[in-house]
Amino acid sequence: MRIVVSGRLNPPLPPTTPCATWALLPSEHVRVARKDMERDLKRLLNGSLLEQSLLGLITSAGGGLTGADLSV
């Protein structure tokens, strides 16, 4: 059986039985996606009052929102 576990360096993974670990290099695709998301965030932060309110709602929700949540 193979089990793949991934995690961040902080906090570290819990202690387990000895296993092989590999540090992976950041993906170029992730770097590009992060840049796109940061650009979108900056646009929303400086956007209209509606855009700023929506950003605040999503941020304060702490998780995913459904279409029904956003339609109220």
PDB file of N, CA and C in Angstrom:
ATOM      1  N   MET A   1       0.842  -1.154   0.000  1.00  0.00           N
ATOM      2  CA  MET A   1       0.000   0.000   0.000  1.00  0.00           C
ATOM      3  C   MET A   1       0.897   1.230   0.000  1.00  0.00           C
ATOM      4  N   ARG A   2       0.512   2.216  -0.780  1.00  0.00           N
ATOM      5  CA  ARG A   2       1.223   3.495  -0.785  1.00  0.00           C
ATOM      6  C   ARG A   2       0.273   4.570  -0.288  1.00  0.00           C
ATOM      7  N   ILE A   3       0.792   5.401   0.564  1.00  0.00           N
ATOM      8  CA  ILE A   3       0.020   6.528   1.061  1.00  0.00           C
ATOM      9  C   ILE A   3       0.813   7.787   0.769  1.00  0.00           C
ATOM     10  N   VAL A   4       0.167   8.738   0.131  1.00  0.00           N
ATOM     11  CA  VAL A   4       0.816  10.003  -0.177  1.00  0.00           C
ATOM     12  C   VAL A   4       0.227  11.054   0.752  1.00  0.00           C
ATOM     13  N   VAL A   5       1.099  11.718   1.476  1.00  0.00           N
ATOM     14  CA  VAL A   5       0.685  12.770   2.392  1.00  0.00           C
ATOM     15  C   VAL A   5       1.455  14.016   2.019  1.00  0.00           C
ATOM     16  N   SER A   6       0.761  15.111   1.925  1.00  0.00           N
ATOM     17  CA  SER A   6       1.453  16.363   1.646  1.00  0.00           C
ATOM     18  C   SER A   6       1.112  17.350   2.741  1.00  0.00           C
ATOM     19  N   GLY A   7       1.996  18.274   2.937  1.00  0.00           N
ATOM     20  CA  GLY A   7       1.751  19.274   3.957  1.00  0.00           C
ATOM     21  C   GLY A   7       2.734  20.411   3.827  1.00  0.00           C
ATOM     22  N   ARG A   8       2.513  21.397   4.642  1.00  0.00           N
ATOM     23  CA  ARG A   8       3.416  22.533   4.665  1.00  0.00           C
ATOM     24  C   ARG A   8       4.495  22.287   5.710  1.00  0.00           C
ATOM     25  N   LEU A   9       5.559  23.054   5.633  1.00  0.00           N
ATOM     26  CA  LEU A   9       6.621  22.919   6.612  1.00  0.00           C
ATOM     27  C   LEU A   9       6.174  23.359   7.999  1.00  0.00           C
ATOM     28  N   ASN A  10       5.241  24.291   8.053  1.00  0.00           N
ATOM     29  CA  ASN A  10       4.797  24.811   9.325  1.00  0.00           C
ATOM     30  C   ASN A  10       3.286  24.813   9.364  1.00  0.00           C
ATOM     31  N   PRO A  11       2.605  24.081  10.167  1.00  0.00           N
ATOM     32  CA  PRO A  11       3.142  23.163  11.160  1.00  0.00           C
ATOM     33  C   PRO A  11       3.629  21.885  10.484  1.00  0.00           C
ATOM     34  N   PRO A  12       4.600  21.219  11.101  1.00  0.00           N
ATOM     35  CA  PRO A  12       5.131  20.006  10.480  1.00  0.00           C
ATOM     36  C   PRO A  12       4.115  18.864  10.533  1.00  0.00           C
ATOM     37  N   LEU A  13       4.353  17.858   9.719  1.00  0.00           N
ATOM     38  CA  LEU A  13       3.506  16.674   9.747  1.00  0.00           C
ATOM     39  C   LEU A  13       3.693  15.961  11.085  1.00  0.00           C
ATOM     40  N   PRO A  14       2.659  15.291  11.568  1.00  0.00           N
ATOM     41  CA  PRO A  14       2.803  14.574  12.834  1.00  0.00           C
ATOM     42  C   PRO A  14       3.792  13.418  12.691  1.00  0.00           C
ATOM     43  N   PRO A  15       4.413  13.031  13.801  1.00  0.00           N
ATOM     44  CA  PRO A  15       5.369  11.919  13.720  1.00  0.00           C
ATOM     45  C   PRO A  15       4.664  10.633  13.300  1.00  0.00           C
ATOM     46  N   THR A  16       5.306   9.901  12.425  1.00  0.00           N
ATOM     47  CA  THR A  16       4.745   8.636  11.937  1.00  0.00           C
ATOM     48  C   THR A  16       5.863   7.612  11.902  1.00  0.00           C
ATOM     49  N   THR A  17       5.535   6.468  11.390  1.00  0.00           N
ATOM     50  CA  THR A  17       6.575   5.473  11.217  1.00  0.00           C
ATOM     51  C   THR A  17       7.554   5.992  10.178  1.00  0.00           C
ATOM     52  N   PRO A  18       8.788   5.507  10.209  1.00  0.00           N
ATOM     53  CA  PRO A  18       9.778   6.005   9.238  1.00  0.00           C
ATOM     54  C   PRO A  18       9.264   5.866   7.807  1.00  0.00           C
ATOM     55  N   CYS A  19       9.465   6.889   7.049  1.00  0.00           N
ATOM     56  CA  CYS A  19       9.020   6.857   5.663  1.00  0.00           C
ATOM     57  C   CYS A  19       9.922   7.763   4.835  1.00  0.00           C
ATOM     58  N   ALA A  20       9.791   7.624   3.562  1.00  0.00           N
ATOM     59  CA  ALA A  20      10.564   8.463   2.649  1.00  0.00           C
ATOM     60  C   ALA A  20       9.845   9.796   2.479  1.00  0.00           C
ATOM     61  N   THR A  21      10.591  10.869   2.520  1.00  0.00           N
ATOM     62  CA  THR A  21       9.994  12.178   2.282  1.00  0.00           C
ATOM     63  C   THR A  21      10.782  12.900   1.207  1.00  0.00           C
ATOM     64  N   TRP A  22      10.091  13.695   0.434  1.00  0.00           N
ATOM     65  CA  TRP A  22      10.717  14.482  -0.608  1.00  0.00           C
ATOM     66  C   TRP A  22      10.181  15.895  -0.547  1.00  0.00           C
ATOM     67  N   ALA A  23      11.062  16.847  -0.593  1.00  0.00           N
ATOM     68  CA  ALA A  23      10.641  18.242  -0.699  1.00  0.00           C
ATOM     69  C   ALA A  23      10.448  18.540  -2.183  1.00  0.00           C
ATOM     70  N   LEU A  24       9.292  19.041  -2.532  1.00  0.00           N
ATOM     71  CA  LEU A  24       8.994  19.337  -3.932  1.00  0.00           C
ATOM     72  C   LEU A  24       9.242  20.800  -4.225  1.00  0.00           C
ATOM     73  N   LEU A  25       9.725  21.074  -5.413  1.00  0.00           N
ATOM     74  CA  LEU A  25       9.928  22.454  -5.837  1.00  0.00           C
ATOM     75  C   LEU A  25       8.588  23.074  -6.220  1.00  0.00           C
ATOM     76  N   PRO A  26       8.438  24.372  -6.010  1.00  0.00           N
ATOM     77  CA  PRO A  26       7.181  25.026  -6.411  1.00  0.00           C
ATOM     78  C   PRO A  26       6.936  24.874  -7.915  1.00  0.00           C
ATOM     79  N   SER A  27       5.703  24.648  -8.267  1.00  0.00           N
ATOM     80  CA  SER A  27       5.305  24.490  -9.661  1.00  0.00           C
ATOM     81  C   SER A  27       5.218  25.848 -10.349  1.00  0.00           C
ATOM     82  N   GLU A  28       5.629  25.907 -11.594  1.00  0.00           N
ATOM     83  CA  GLU A  28       5.494  27.133 -12.383  1.00  0.00           C
ATOM     84  C   GLU A  28       4.017  27.483 -12.561  1.00  0.00           C
ATOM     85  N   HIS A  29       3.171  26.465 -12.692  1.00  0.00           N
ATOM     86  CA  HIS A  29       1.730  26.701 -12.840  1.00  0.00           C
ATOM     87  C   HIS A  29       1.162  27.356 -11.587  1.00  0.00           C
ATOM     88  N   VAL A  30       1.627  26.925 -10.436  1.00  0.00           N
ATOM     89  CA  VAL A  30       1.154  27.512  -9.181  1.00  0.00           C
ATOM     90  C   VAL A  30       1.632  28.956  -9.061  1.00  0.00           C
ATOM     91  N   ARG A  31       2.852  29.224  -9.477  1.00  0.00           N
ATOM     92  CA  ARG A  31       3.373  30.591  -9.414  1.00  0.00           C
ATOM     93  C   ARG A  31       2.521  31.529 -10.272  1.00  0.00           C
ATOM     94  N   VAL A  32       2.173  31.084 -11.451  1.00  0.00           N
ATOM     95  CA  VAL A  32       1.347  31.899 -12.349  1.00  0.00           C
ATOM     96  C   VAL A  32      -0.054  32.086 -11.759  1.00  0.00           C
ATOM     97  N   ALA A  33      -0.633  31.009 -11.230  1.00  0.00           N
ATOM     98  CA  ALA A  33      -1.969  31.101 -10.636  1.00  0.00           C
ATOM     99  C   ALA A  33      -1.956  32.046  -9.435  1.00  0.00           C
ATOM    100  N   ARG A  34      -0.899  31.987  -8.633  1.00  0.00           N
ATOM    101  CA  ARG A  34      -0.816  32.869  -7.468  1.00  0.00           C
ATOM    102  C   ARG A  34      -0.754  34.334  -7.902  1.00  0.00           C
ATOM    103  N   LYS A  35       0.038  34.615  -8.923  1.00  0.00           N
ATOM    104  CA  LYS A  35       0.126  35.985  -9.433  1.00  0.00           C
ATOM    105  C   LYS A  35      -1.238  36.473  -9.904  1.00  0.00           C
ATOM    106  N   ASP A  36      -1.968  35.608 -10.624  1.00  0.00           N
ATOM    107  CA  ASP A  36      -3.307  35.964 -11.108  1.00  0.00           C
ATOM    108  C   ASP A  36      -4.247  36.258  -9.936  1.00  0.00           C
ATOM    109  N   MET A  37      -4.208  35.403  -8.905  1.00  0.00           N
ATOM    110  CA  MET A  37      -5.087  35.599  -7.752  1.00  0.00           C
ATOM    111  C   MET A  37      -4.733  36.868  -6.984  1.00  0.00           C
ATOM    112  N   GLU A  38      -3.434  37.148  -6.840  1.00  0.00           N
ATOM    113  CA  GLU A  38      -3.021  38.372  -6.144  1.00  0.00           C
ATOM    114  C   GLU A  38      -3.466  39.614  -6.918  1.00  0.00           C
ATOM    115  N   ARG A  39      -3.390  39.554  -8.259  1.00  0.00           N
ATOM    116  CA  ARG A  39      -3.851  40.667  -9.089  1.00  0.00           C
ATOM    117  C   ARG A  39      -5.356  40.875  -8.916  1.00  0.00           C
ATOM    118  N   ASP A  40      -6.120  39.772  -8.912  1.00  0.00           N
ATOM    119  CA  ASP A  40      -7.567  39.861  -8.720  1.00  0.00           C
ATOM    120  C   ASP A  40      -7.905  40.428  -7.343  1.00  0.00           C
ATOM    121  N   LEU A  41      -7.172  40.006  -6.323  1.00  0.00           N
ATOM    122  CA  LEU A  41      -7.412  40.505  -4.972  1.00  0.00           C
ATOM    123  C   LEU A  41      -7.165  42.007  -4.894  1.00  0.00           C
ATOM    124  N   LYS A  42      -6.073  42.470  -5.468  1.00  0.00           N
ATOM    125  CA  LYS A  42      -5.776  43.908  -5.467  1.00  0.00           C
ATOM    126  C   LYS A  42      -6.862  44.692  -6.191  1.00  0.00           C
ATOM    127  N   ARG A  43      -7.377  44.125  -7.288  1.00  0.00           N
ATOM    128  CA  ARG A  43      -8.443  44.796  -8.039  1.00  0.00           C
ATOM    129  C   ARG A  43      -9.698  44.911  -7.188  1.00  0.00           C
ATOM    130  N   LEU A  44     -10.041  43.824  -6.472  1.00  0.00           N
ATOM    131  CA  LEU A  44     -11.231  43.857  -5.630  1.00  0.00           C
ATOM    132  C   LEU A  44     -11.061  44.798  -4.445  1.00  0.00           C
ATOM    133  N   LEU A  45      -9.867  44.840  -3.868  1.00  0.00           N
ATOM    134  CA  LEU A  45      -9.615  45.737  -2.738  1.00  0.00           C
ATOM    135  C   LEU A  45      -9.809  47.195  -3.122  1.00  0.00           C
ATOM    136  N   ASN A  46      -9.523  47.521  -4.364  1.00  0.00           N
ATOM    137  CA  ASN A  46      -9.651  48.893  -4.846  1.00  0.00           C
ATOM    138  C   ASN A  46     -10.883  49.078  -5.728  1.00  0.00           C
ATOM    139  N   GLY A  47     -11.775  48.092  -5.728  1.00  0.00           N
ATOM    140  CA  GLY A  47     -12.935  48.127  -6.601  1.00  0.00           C
ATOM    141  C   GLY A  47     -14.086  48.920  -6.014  1.00  0.00           C
ATOM    142  N   SER A  48     -15.245  48.676  -6.577  1.00  0.00           N
ATOM    143  CA  SER A  48     -16.459  49.371  -6.139  1.00  0.00           C
ATOM    144  C   SER A  48     -16.835  48.926  -4.724  1.00  0.00           C
ATOM    145  N   LEU A  49     -17.768  49.620  -4.125  1.00  0.00           N
ATOM    146  CA  LEU A  49     -18.235  49.270  -2.791  1.00  0.00           C
ATOM    147  C   LEU A  49     -18.827  47.861  -2.798  1.00  0.00           C
ATOM    148  N   LEU A  50     -19.536  47.499  -3.860  1.00  0.00           N
ATOM    149  CA  LEU A  50     -20.106  46.161  -3.977  1.00  0.00           C
ATOM    150  C   LEU A  50     -19.000  45.103  -4.010  1.00  0.00           C
ATOM    151  N   GLU A  51     -17.966  45.337  -4.813  1.00  0.00           N
ATOM    152  CA  GLU A  51     -16.851  44.389  -4.889  1.00  0.00           C
ATOM    153  C   GLU A  51     -16.148  44.252  -3.543  1.00  0.00           C
ATOM    154  N   GLN A  52     -15.940  45.355  -2.861  1.00  0.00           N
ATOM    155  CA  GLN A  52     -15.293  45.310  -1.553  1.00  0.00           C
ATOM    156  C   GLN A  52     -16.168  44.573  -0.541  1.00  0.00           C
ATOM    157  N   SER A  53     -17.476  44.785  -0.604  1.00  0.00           N
ATOM    158  CA  SER A  53     -18.395  44.098   0.305  1.00  0.00           C
ATOM    159  C   SER A  53     -18.400  42.595   0.051  1.00  0.00           C
ATOM    160  N   LEU A  54     -18.427  42.204  -1.211  1.00  0.00           N
ATOM    161  CA  LEU A  54     -18.391  40.790  -1.561  1.00  0.00           C
ATOM    162  C   LEU A  54     -17.092  40.151  -1.082  1.00  0.00           C
ATOM    163  N   LEU A  55     -15.985  40.830  -1.268  1.00  0.00           N
ATOM    164  CA  LEU A  55     -14.698  40.335  -0.798  1.00  0.00           C
ATOM    165  C   LEU A  55     -14.718  40.166   0.721  1.00  0.00           C
ATOM    166  N   GLY A  56     -15.293  41.131   1.434  1.00  0.00           N
ATOM    167  CA  GLY A  56     -15.401  41.031   2.887  1.00  0.00           C
ATOM    168  C   GLY A  56     -16.260  39.857   3.312  1.00  0.00           C
ATOM    169  N   LEU A  57     -17.360  39.621   2.610  1.00  0.00           N
ATOM    170  CA  LEU A  57     -18.247  38.500   2.916  1.00  0.00           C
ATOM    171  C   LEU A  57     -17.525  37.176   2.745  1.00  0.00           C
ATOM    172  N   ILE A  58     -16.847  37.021   1.637  1.00  0.00           N
ATOM    173  CA  ILE A  58     -16.139  35.769   1.369  1.00  0.00           C
ATOM    174  C   ILE A  58     -15.017  35.562   2.384  1.00  0.00           C
ATOM    175  N   THR A  59     -14.312  36.626   2.721  1.00  0.00           N
ATOM    176  CA  THR A  59     -13.216  36.528   3.686  1.00  0.00           C
ATOM    177  C   THR A  59     -13.733  36.151   5.059  1.00  0.00           C
ATOM    178  N   SER A  60     -14.807  36.783   5.502  1.00  0.00           N
ATOM    179  CA  SER A  60     -15.323  36.517   6.841  1.00  0.00           C
ATOM    180  C   SER A  60     -16.016  35.165   6.943  1.00  0.00           C
ATOM    181  N   ALA A  61     -16.432  34.585   5.815  1.00  0.00           N
ATOM    182  CA  ALA A  61     -17.112  33.291   5.843  1.00  0.00           C
ATOM    183  C   ALA A  61     -16.166  32.182   6.291  1.00  0.00           C
ATOM    184  N   GLY A  62     -14.879  32.330   6.022  1.00  0.00           N
ATOM    185  CA  GLY A  62     -13.907  31.338   6.456  1.00  0.00           C
ATOM    186  C   GLY A  62     -14.018  30.006   5.728  1.00  0.00           C
ATOM    187  N   GLY A  63     -14.740  29.951   4.649  1.00  0.00           N
ATOM    188  CA  GLY A  63     -14.890  28.716   3.885  1.00  0.00           C
ATOM    189  C   GLY A  63     -15.699  28.985   2.635  1.00  0.00           C
ATOM    190  N   GLY A  64     -16.099  27.935   1.978  1.00  0.00           N
ATOM    191  CA  GLY A  64     -16.843  28.076   0.746  1.00  0.00           C
ATOM    192  C   GLY A  64     -18.248  28.610   0.973  1.00  0.00           C
ATOM    193  N   LEU A  65     -18.777  29.291   0.000  1.00  0.00           N
ATOM    194  CA  LEU A  65     -20.136  29.789   0.025  1.00  0.00           C
ATOM    195  C   LEU A  65     -20.902  29.200  -1.146  1.00  0.00           C
ATOM    196  N   THR A  66     -22.169  28.921  -0.922  1.00  0.00           N
ATOM    197  CA  THR A  66     -23.007  28.378  -1.988  1.00  0.00           C
ATOM    198  C   THR A  66     -23.619  29.524  -2.786  1.00  0.00           C
ATOM    199  N   GLY A  67     -24.207  29.198  -3.908  1.00  0.00           N
ATOM    200  CA  GLY A  67     -24.929  30.209  -4.696  1.00  0.00           C
ATOM    201  C   GLY A  67     -26.041  30.839  -3.880  1.00  0.00           C
ATOM    202  N   ALA A  68     -26.727  30.017  -3.056  1.00  0.00           N
ATOM    203  CA  ALA A  68     -27.799  30.533  -2.207  1.00  0.00           C
ATOM    204  C   ALA A  68     -27.258  31.531  -1.183  1.00  0.00           C
ATOM    205  N   ASP A  69     -26.079  31.259  -0.634  1.00  0.00           N
ATOM    206  CA  ASP A  69     -25.462  32.185   0.321  1.00  0.00           C
ATOM    207  C   ASP A  69     -25.233  33.552  -0.319  1.00  0.00           C
ATOM    208  N   LEU A  70     -24.818  33.544  -1.556  1.00  0.00           N
ATOM    209  CA  LEU A  70     -24.473  34.798  -2.235  1.00  0.00           C
ATOM    210  C   LEU A  70     -25.694  35.515  -2.802  1.00  0.00           C
ATOM    211  N   SER A  71     -26.816  34.823  -2.916  1.00  0.00           N
ATOM    212  CA  SER A  71     -27.994  35.440  -3.529  1.00  0.00           C
ATOM    213  C   SER A  71     -28.860  36.204  -2.536  1.00  0.00           C
ATOM    214  N   VAL A  72     -28.563  36.110  -1.277  1.00  0.00           N
ATOM    215  CA  VAL A  72     -29.386  36.786  -0.254  1.00  0.00           C
ATOM    216  C   VAL A  72     -29.097  38.256  -0.235  1.00  0.00           C
TER     217      VAL A  72
END
